[in-house]
């Protein structure tokens, strides 16, 4: 088996469904979009993502969270933390998110996604007014104080290498669609703000 990358798309024909996205929207009673939560470990991405999912369920709105740790247990378990692997990590989840959006779900992506270039690559997969980059802005020292998984402590002692914010870079979004300063708001306030964004954009 060759290790050289090969583009097989010239041999493959796209099969178009007879069910349109508008028909899926009609069935669901709402439109779809992707809420892309980016930020340092400990900034509140997963906690808030799952809280948003729960709040949407209460409104009978179909949604799903694609969480960075969870995806690395399955689809992306063969990837490490080099820049190249991080890029592939984002490429794969962006493609999955696109499928979920096509299916009519409000798709919540909770990934550190540290590189601006990779986040823009993800955005390019979606039409206008479908992809919303939400920057979970939180000072590094606050994230370290929280350290819910004990990862910062391990990164500081060298037990973990290539850890974002310590031994690997995080590039803050240049022009995010929304900024949540998670050091200064409660989970409930964060959820309310994200739901207001989704509602303002006419998705629910």
C-alpha atoms as a PDB file:
ATOM      1  CA  UNK A   1       0.000   0.000   0.000  1.00  0.00           C
ATOM      2  CA  UNK A   2       1.416   3.358  -1.010  1.00  0.00           C
ATOM      3  CA  UNK A   3       1.976   5.978   1.655  1.00  0.00           C
ATOM      4  CA  UNK A   4       1.673   8.755  -0.901  1.00  0.00           C
ATOM      5  CA  UNK A   5      -1.544  10.792  -0.662  1.00  0.00           C
ATOM      6  CA  UNK A   6      -3.845  10.095  -3.589  1.00  0.00           C
ATOM      7  CA  UNK A   7      -6.882  12.024  -4.760  1.00  0.00           C
ATOM      8  CA  UNK A   8      -9.491   9.432  -5.686  1.00  0.00           C
ATOM      9  CA  UNK A   9     -12.300  11.947  -6.160  1.00  0.00           C
ATOM     10  CA  UNK A  10     -11.926  11.884  -9.950  1.00  0.00           C
ATOM     11  CA  UNK A  11     -13.091   8.254  -9.852  1.00  0.00           C
ATOM     12  CA  UNK A  12     -16.080   8.935  -7.591  1.00  0.00           C
ATOM     13  CA  UNK A  13     -19.433  10.464  -8.509  1.00  0.00           C
ATOM     14  CA  UNK A  14     -21.400  12.415  -5.898  1.00  0.00           C
ATOM     15  CA  UNK A  15     -24.790  10.810  -5.235  1.00  0.00           C
ATOM     16  CA  UNK A  16     -27.527  13.362  -4.594  1.00  0.00           C
ATOM     17  CA  UNK A  17     -30.308  12.575  -2.137  1.00  0.00           C
ATOM     18  CA  UNK A  18     -33.910  13.005  -3.245  1.00  0.00           C
ATOM     19  CA  UNK A  19     -34.626  14.532   0.179  1.00  0.00           C
ATOM     20  CA  UNK A  20     -33.815  18.238   0.234  1.00  0.00           C
ATOM     21  CA  UNK A  21     -32.424  20.199   3.152  1.00  0.00           C
ATOM     22  CA  UNK A  22     -35.568  22.329   3.174  1.00  0.00           C
ATOM     23  CA  UNK A  23     -37.641  19.170   3.615  1.00  0.00           C
ATOM     24  CA  UNK A  24     -35.465  18.220   6.575  1.00  0.00           C
ATOM     25  CA  UNK A  25     -35.927  21.695   8.032  1.00  0.00           C
ATOM     26  CA  UNK A  26     -39.684  21.287   7.632  1.00  0.00           C
ATOM     27  CA  UNK A  27     -39.618  17.946   9.420  1.00  0.00           C
ATOM     28  CA  UNK A  28     -37.518  19.318  12.280  1.00  0.00           C
ATOM     29  CA  UNK A  29     -39.301  22.646  12.574  1.00  0.00           C
ATOM     30  CA  UNK A  30     -36.025  24.568  12.622  1.00  0.00           C
ATOM     31  CA  UNK A  31     -32.952  25.271  10.506  1.00  0.00           C
ATOM     32  CA  UNK A  32     -29.445  23.917  11.039  1.00  0.00           C
ATOM     33  CA  UNK A  33     -26.062  25.487  11.664  1.00  0.00           C
ATOM     34  CA  UNK A  34     -22.715  24.731  13.253  1.00  0.00           C
ATOM     35  CA  UNK A  35     -21.660  26.412  16.487  1.00  0.00           C
ATOM     36  CA  UNK A  36     -17.882  26.063  16.556  1.00  0.00           C
ATOM     37  CA  UNK A  37     -16.610  26.540  20.120  1.00  0.00           C
ATOM     38  CA  UNK A  38     -12.874  27.211  20.231  1.00  0.00           C
ATOM     39  CA  UNK A  39     -10.644  28.026  23.179  1.00  0.00           C
ATOM     40  CA  UNK A  40      -8.052  26.728  25.593  1.00  0.00           C
ATOM     41  CA  UNK A  41      -8.518  23.565  27.621  1.00  0.00           C
ATOM     42  CA  UNK A  42     -10.470  24.599  30.709  1.00  0.00           C
ATOM     43  CA  UNK A  43     -12.180  27.541  29.014  1.00  0.00           C
ATOM     44  CA  UNK A  44     -15.566  25.861  29.369  1.00  0.00           C
ATOM     45  CA  UNK A  45     -16.123  24.528  25.849  1.00  0.00           C
ATOM     46  CA  UNK A  46     -17.417  21.052  26.691  1.00  0.00           C
ATOM     47  CA  UNK A  47     -19.404  22.124  29.743  1.00  0.00           C
ATOM     48  CA  UNK A  48     -21.181  24.877  27.845  1.00  0.00           C
ATOM     49  CA  UNK A  49     -21.592  22.806  24.666  1.00  0.00           C
ATOM     50  CA  UNK A  50     -23.477  20.067  26.505  1.00  0.00           C
ATOM     51  CA  UNK A  51     -25.502  22.641  28.445  1.00  0.00           C
ATOM     52  CA  UNK A  52     -26.551  24.240  25.143  1.00  0.00           C
ATOM     53  CA  UNK A  53     -27.493  20.809  23.789  1.00  0.00           C
ATOM     54  CA  UNK A  54     -29.675  20.190  26.863  1.00  0.00           C
ATOM     55  CA  UNK A  55     -31.322  23.619  26.538  1.00  0.00           C
ATOM     56  CA  UNK A  56     -32.087  23.005  22.854  1.00  0.00           C
ATOM     57  CA  UNK A  57     -33.599  19.615  23.675  1.00  0.00           C
ATOM     58  CA  UNK A  58     -35.911  21.322  26.160  1.00  0.00           C
ATOM     59  CA  UNK A  59     -37.145  23.425  23.232  1.00  0.00           C
ATOM     60  CA  UNK A  60     -37.587  20.278  21.087  1.00  0.00           C
ATOM     61  CA  UNK A  61     -34.729  21.330  18.809  1.00  0.00           C
ATOM     62  CA  UNK A  62     -32.498  18.621  17.373  1.00  0.00           C
ATOM     63  CA  UNK A  63     -28.814  19.125  18.106  1.00  0.00           C
ATOM     64  CA  UNK A  64     -25.645  17.147  18.699  1.00  0.00           C
ATOM     65  CA  UNK A  65     -22.278  17.867  20.321  1.00  0.00           C
ATOM     66  CA  UNK A  66     -19.063  16.817  18.595  1.00  0.00           C
ATOM     67  CA  UNK A  67     -16.601  16.961  21.482  1.00  0.00           C
ATOM     68  CA  UNK A  68     -12.849  16.927  20.914  1.00  0.00           C
ATOM     69  CA  UNK A  69     -12.048  14.307  23.560  1.00  0.00           C
ATOM     70  CA  UNK A  70     -14.935  12.075  22.519  1.00  0.00           C
ATOM     71  CA  UNK A  71     -13.989  12.149  18.838  1.00  0.00           C
ATOM     72  CA  UNK A  72     -10.409  11.163  19.730  1.00  0.00           C
ATOM     73  CA  UNK A  73     -11.804   8.007  21.355  1.00  0.00           C
ATOM     74  CA  UNK A  74     -13.086   6.814  17.986  1.00  0.00           C
ATOM     75  CA  UNK A  75     -12.885   8.545  14.617  1.00  0.00           C
ATOM     76  CA  UNK A  76      -9.634  10.358  15.409  1.00  0.00           C
ATOM     77  CA  UNK A  77      -7.989   7.910  17.807  1.00  0.00           C
ATOM     78  CA  UNK A  78      -5.122   7.375  15.361  1.00  0.00           C
ATOM     79  CA  UNK A  79      -4.109  11.051  15.513  1.00  0.00           C
ATOM     80  CA  UNK A  80      -1.525  12.632  17.788  1.00  0.00           C
ATOM     81  CA  UNK A  81      -0.887  16.271  18.606  1.00  0.00           C
ATOM     82  CA  UNK A  82       1.597  17.385  15.959  1.00  0.00           C
ATOM     83  CA  UNK A  83       0.515  20.377  13.888  1.00  0.00           C
ATOM     84  CA  UNK A  84      -0.248  18.040  10.977  1.00  0.00           C
ATOM     85  CA  UNK A  85      -2.347  15.711  13.128  1.00  0.00           C
ATOM     86  CA  UNK A  86      -4.193  18.632  14.680  1.00  0.00           C
ATOM     87  CA  UNK A  87      -4.996  19.868  11.174  1.00  0.00           C
ATOM     88  CA  UNK A  88      -6.365  16.448  10.200  1.00  0.00           C
ATOM     89  CA  UNK A  89      -8.293  16.347  13.474  1.00  0.00           C
ATOM     90  CA  UNK A  90     -10.106  19.535  12.478  1.00  0.00           C
ATOM     91  CA  UNK A  91     -10.571  18.500   8.842  1.00  0.00           C
ATOM     92  CA  UNK A  92     -12.320  15.284   9.846  1.00  0.00           C
ATOM     93  CA  UNK A  93     -14.646  16.807  12.414  1.00  0.00           C
ATOM     94  CA  UNK A  94     -15.512  19.653  10.040  1.00  0.00           C
ATOM     95  CA  UNK A  95     -16.590  17.109   7.425  1.00  0.00           C
ATOM     96  CA  UNK A  96     -18.678  15.269  10.030  1.00  0.00           C
ATOM     97  CA  UNK A  97     -20.218  18.564  11.153  1.00  0.00           C
ATOM     98  CA  UNK A  98     -21.149  19.314   7.549  1.00  0.00           C
ATOM     99  CA  UNK A  99     -23.008  16.002   7.297  1.00  0.00           C
ATOM    100  CA  UNK A 100     -24.871  16.747  10.533  1.00  0.00           C
ATOM    101  CA  UNK A 101     -25.792  20.231   9.304  1.00  0.00           C
ATOM    102  CA  UNK A 102     -27.006  18.750   6.016  1.00  0.00           C
ATOM    103  CA  UNK A 103     -29.151  16.367   8.097  1.00  0.00           C
ATOM    104  CA  UNK A 104     -30.792  19.387   9.723  1.00  0.00           C
ATOM    105  CA  UNK A 105     -29.134  19.383  13.150  1.00  0.00           C
ATOM    106  CA  UNK A 106     -27.783  22.303  15.100  1.00  0.00           C
ATOM    107  CA  UNK A 107     -24.268  20.946  15.427  1.00  0.00           C
ATOM    108  CA  UNK A 108     -22.114  22.060  18.342  1.00  0.00           C
ATOM    109  CA  UNK A 109     -18.393  21.502  17.807  1.00  0.00           C
ATOM    110  CA  UNK A 110     -16.296  21.689  20.974  1.00  0.00           C
ATOM    111  CA  UNK A 111     -12.650  21.539  19.875  1.00  0.00           C
ATOM    112  CA  UNK A 112      -9.619  23.530  21.005  1.00  0.00           C
ATOM    113  CA  UNK A 113      -8.854  23.985  17.279  1.00  0.00           C
ATOM    114  CA  UNK A 114      -5.780  26.106  18.032  1.00  0.00           C
ATOM    115  CA  UNK A 115      -4.864  27.281  14.527  1.00  0.00           C
ATOM    116  CA  UNK A 116      -6.654  30.082  12.683  1.00  0.00           C
ATOM    117  CA  UNK A 117      -5.873  28.480   9.325  1.00  0.00           C
ATOM    118  CA  UNK A 118      -7.625  25.248  10.316  1.00  0.00           C
ATOM    119  CA  UNK A 119     -10.693  27.049  11.645  1.00  0.00           C
ATOM    120  CA  UNK A 120     -10.959  28.999   8.399  1.00  0.00           C
ATOM    121  CA  UNK A 121     -10.630  25.743   6.462  1.00  0.00           C
ATOM    122  CA  UNK A 122     -13.588  24.411   8.442  1.00  0.00           C
ATOM    123  CA  UNK A 123     -15.615  27.570   7.783  1.00  0.00           C
ATOM    124  CA  UNK A 124     -15.046  27.237   4.036  1.00  0.00           C
ATOM    125  CA  UNK A 125     -17.037  23.982   3.997  1.00  0.00           C
ATOM    126  CA  UNK A 126     -20.214  25.830   4.897  1.00  0.00           C
ATOM    127  CA  UNK A 127     -22.460  28.344   3.168  1.00  0.00           C
ATOM    128  CA  UNK A 128     -22.832  31.862   4.560  1.00  0.00           C
ATOM    129  CA  UNK A 129     -24.835  32.195   7.779  1.00  0.00           C
ATOM    130  CA  UNK A 130     -24.327  28.539   8.688  1.00  0.00           C
ATOM    131  CA  UNK A 131     -20.937  28.501  10.492  1.00  0.00           C
ATOM    132  CA  UNK A 132     -20.615  30.489  13.722  1.00  0.00           C
ATOM    133  CA  UNK A 133     -17.212  30.628  15.380  1.00  0.00           C
ATOM    134  CA  UNK A 134     -17.623  31.203  19.111  1.00  0.00           C
ATOM    135  CA  UNK A 135     -14.437  32.142  20.946  1.00  0.00           C
ATOM    136  CA  UNK A 136     -14.458  30.885  24.517  1.00  0.00           C
ATOM    137  CA  UNK A 137     -12.145  33.602  25.759  1.00  0.00           C
ATOM    138  CA  UNK A 138     -10.539  32.803  29.089  1.00  0.00           C
ATOM    139  CA  UNK A 139      -7.128  33.809  30.495  1.00  0.00           C
ATOM    140  CA  UNK A 140      -4.577  31.006  30.644  1.00  0.00           C
ATOM    141  CA  UNK A 141      -4.141  31.472  34.397  1.00  0.00           C
ATOM    142  CA  UNK A 142      -7.875  30.941  34.953  1.00  0.00           C
ATOM    143  CA  UNK A 143      -7.852  27.808  32.800  1.00  0.00           C
ATOM    144  CA  UNK A 144      -4.895  26.533  34.820  1.00  0.00           C
ATOM    145  CA  UNK A 145      -6.682  27.233  38.093  1.00  0.00           C
ATOM    146  CA  UNK A 146      -9.695  25.272  36.888  1.00  0.00           C
ATOM    147  CA  UNK A 147      -7.655  22.443  35.321  1.00  0.00           C
ATOM    148  CA  UNK A 148     -10.607  20.001  35.509  1.00  0.00           C
ATOM    149  CA  UNK A 149      -8.610  17.126  34.010  1.00  0.00           C
ATOM    150  CA  UNK A 150      -5.263  17.849  35.688  1.00  0.00           C
ATOM    151  CA  UNK A 151      -3.673  18.359  32.277  1.00  0.00           C
ATOM    152  CA  UNK A 152      -2.022  21.719  32.887  1.00  0.00           C
ATOM    153  CA  UNK A 153      -0.203  20.333  35.916  1.00  0.00           C
ATOM    154  CA  UNK A 154       1.107  17.449  33.808  1.00  0.00           C
ATOM    155  CA  UNK A 155       2.074  19.820  31.008  1.00  0.00           C
ATOM    156  CA  UNK A 156       4.010  22.052  33.424  1.00  0.00           C
ATOM    157  CA  UNK A 157       5.972  19.066  34.745  1.00  0.00           C
ATOM    158  CA  UNK A 158       6.673  17.732  31.258  1.00  0.00           C
ATOM    159  CA  UNK A 159       4.456  14.649  31.563  1.00  0.00           C
ATOM    160  CA  UNK A 160       2.456  15.902  28.577  1.00  0.00           C
ATOM    161  CA  UNK A 161       4.139  17.405  25.522  1.00  0.00           C
ATOM    162  CA  UNK A 162       2.632  19.572  22.787  1.00  0.00           C
ATOM    163  CA  UNK A 163      -0.029  20.885  25.165  1.00  0.00           C
ATOM    164  CA  UNK A 164      -1.909  23.917  23.873  1.00  0.00           C
ATOM    165  CA  UNK A 165      -1.163  27.085  25.801  1.00  0.00           C
ATOM    166  CA  UNK A 166       1.960  25.637  27.450  1.00  0.00           C
ATOM    167  CA  UNK A 167       4.169  23.857  24.926  1.00  0.00           C
ATOM    168  CA  UNK A 168       2.045  24.367  21.816  1.00  0.00           C
ATOM    169  CA  UNK A 169       0.470  27.592  20.522  1.00  0.00           C
ATOM    170  CA  UNK A 170      -3.117  28.772  20.553  1.00  0.00           C
ATOM    171  CA  UNK A 171      -4.017  31.399  17.976  1.00  0.00           C
ATOM    172  CA  UNK A 172      -7.042  33.428  19.131  1.00  0.00           C
ATOM    173  CA  UNK A 173      -9.685  33.941  16.434  1.00  0.00           C
ATOM    174  CA  UNK A 174      -9.070  36.985  14.260  1.00  0.00           C
ATOM    175  CA  UNK A 175     -12.731  37.741  13.607  1.00  0.00           C
ATOM    176  CA  UNK A 176     -15.014  35.387  15.572  1.00  0.00           C
ATOM    177  CA  UNK A 177     -18.766  35.588  15.177  1.00  0.00           C
ATOM    178  CA  UNK A 178     -19.206  35.734  18.940  1.00  0.00           C
ATOM    179  CA  UNK A 179     -16.984  36.059  22.013  1.00  0.00           C
ATOM    180  CA  UNK A 180     -17.868  34.565  25.383  1.00  0.00           C
ATOM    181  CA  UNK A 181     -15.652  35.705  28.259  1.00  0.00           C
ATOM    182  CA  UNK A 182     -16.107  32.563  30.297  1.00  0.00           C
ATOM    183  CA  UNK A 183     -14.128  33.820  33.290  1.00  0.00           C
ATOM    184  CA  UNK A 184     -16.876  36.384  33.864  1.00  0.00           C
ATOM    185  CA  UNK A 185     -20.115  34.534  33.140  1.00  0.00           C
ATOM    186  CA  UNK A 186     -21.995  31.573  34.546  1.00  0.00           C
ATOM    187  CA  UNK A 187     -22.882  28.471  32.547  1.00  0.00           C
ATOM    188  CA  UNK A 188     -26.496  29.653  32.463  1.00  0.00           C
ATOM    189  CA  UNK A 189     -25.492  33.073  31.134  1.00  0.00           C
ATOM    190  CA  UNK A 190     -23.285  31.487  28.476  1.00  0.00           C
ATOM    191  CA  UNK A 191     -26.091  29.190  27.331  1.00  0.00           C
ATOM    192  CA  UNK A 192     -28.529  32.090  27.203  1.00  0.00           C
ATOM    193  CA  UNK A 193     -26.097  34.125  25.090  1.00  0.00           C
ATOM    194  CA  UNK A 194     -25.534  31.294  22.601  1.00  0.00           C
ATOM    195  CA  UNK A 195     -29.258  30.574  22.292  1.00  0.00           C
ATOM    196  CA  UNK A 196     -29.857  34.282  21.681  1.00  0.00           C
ATOM    197  CA  UNK A 197     -27.282  34.171  18.871  1.00  0.00           C
ATOM    198  CA  UNK A 198     -28.937  31.141  17.263  1.00  0.00           C
ATOM    199  CA  UNK A 199     -32.367  32.732  17.591  1.00  0.00           C
ATOM    200  CA  UNK A 200     -31.170  36.056  16.170  1.00  0.00           C
ATOM    201  CA  UNK A 201     -29.824  34.236  13.118  1.00  0.00           C
ATOM    202  CA  UNK A 202     -33.246  32.693  12.532  1.00  0.00           C
ATOM    203  CA  UNK A 203     -32.202  29.093  13.143  1.00  0.00           C
ATOM    204  CA  UNK A 204     -34.824  28.434  15.831  1.00  0.00           C
END
